[in-house]
Amino acid sequence: MKAHCEDVAQHLAVIGRNLNKSVFEMKKRRMMRRFRL
């Protein structure tokens, strides 16, 4: 059971990292668009 919990925690960490990355990319794109104007 403990191993399963660690697996889930690791999985959530990966998902969180990917979400942060995509949010960062969106913000970066928005900033670039703003600077272009």
C-alpha atoms as a PDB file:
ATOM      1  CA  MET A   1       0.000   0.000   0.000  1.00  0.00           C
ATOM      2  CA  LYS A   2       2.797   2.383   0.877  1.00  0.00           C
ATOM      3  CA  ALA A   3       4.489   1.771  -2.472  1.00  0.00           C
ATOM      4  CA  HIS A   4       1.196   2.557  -4.208  1.00  0.00           C
ATOM      5  CA  CYS A   5       0.931   5.876  -2.328  1.00  0.00           C
ATOM      6  CA  GLU A   6       4.460   6.796  -3.379  1.00  0.00           C
ATOM      7  CA  ASP A   7       3.586   5.910  -6.978  1.00  0.00           C
ATOM      8  CA  VAL A   8       0.553   8.198  -6.895  1.00  0.00           C
ATOM      9  CA  ALA A   9       2.565  11.018  -5.312  1.00  0.00           C
ATOM     10  CA  GLN A  10       5.219  10.724  -8.022  1.00  0.00           C
ATOM     11  CA  HIS A  11       2.539  10.689 -10.727  1.00  0.00           C
ATOM     12  CA  LEU A  12       0.904  13.828  -9.289  1.00  0.00           C
ATOM     13  CA  ALA A  13       4.300  15.535  -9.133  1.00  0.00           C
ATOM     14  CA  VAL A  14       4.859  14.824 -12.843  1.00  0.00           C
ATOM     15  CA  ILE A  15       1.379  16.116 -13.721  1.00  0.00           C
ATOM     16  CA  GLY A  16       1.978  19.253 -11.642  1.00  0.00           C
ATOM     17  CA  ARG A  17       5.292  19.885 -13.365  1.00  0.00           C
ATOM     18  CA  ASN A  18       3.694  19.530 -16.800  1.00  0.00           C
ATOM     19  CA  LEU A  19       0.850  21.880 -15.823  1.00  0.00           C
ATOM     20  CA  ASN A  20       3.325  24.469 -14.546  1.00  0.00           C
ATOM     21  CA  LYS A  21       5.295  24.159 -17.782  1.00  0.00           C
ATOM     22  CA  SER A  22       2.228  24.689 -19.985  1.00  0.00           C
ATOM     23  CA  VAL A  23       1.045  27.644 -17.876  1.00  0.00           C
ATOM     24  CA  PHE A  24       4.530  29.165 -18.089  1.00  0.00           C
ATOM     25  CA  GLU A  25       4.534  28.732 -21.881  1.00  0.00           C
ATOM     26  CA  MET A  26       1.134  30.440 -22.126  1.00  0.00           C
ATOM     27  CA  LYS A  27       2.335  33.377 -20.023  1.00  0.00           C
ATOM     28  CA  LYS A  28       5.540  33.629 -22.054  1.00  0.00           C
ATOM     29  CA  ARG A  29       3.571  33.672 -25.305  1.00  0.00           C
ATOM     30  CA  ARG A  30       1.273  36.378 -23.936  1.00  0.00           C
ATOM     31  CA  MET A  31       4.258  38.471 -22.851  1.00  0.00           C
ATOM     32  CA  MET A  32       5.942  38.090 -26.247  1.00  0.00           C
ATOM     33  CA  ARG A  33       2.738  39.193 -27.970  1.00  0.00           C
ATOM     34  CA  ARG A  34       2.561  42.222 -25.681  1.00  0.00           C
ATOM     35  CA  PHE A  35       6.176  43.192 -26.395  1.00  0.00           C
ATOM     36  CA  ARG A  36       5.609  42.883 -30.132  1.00  0.00           C
ATOM     37  CA  LEU A  37       2.958  45.606 -30.070  1.00  0.00           C
END
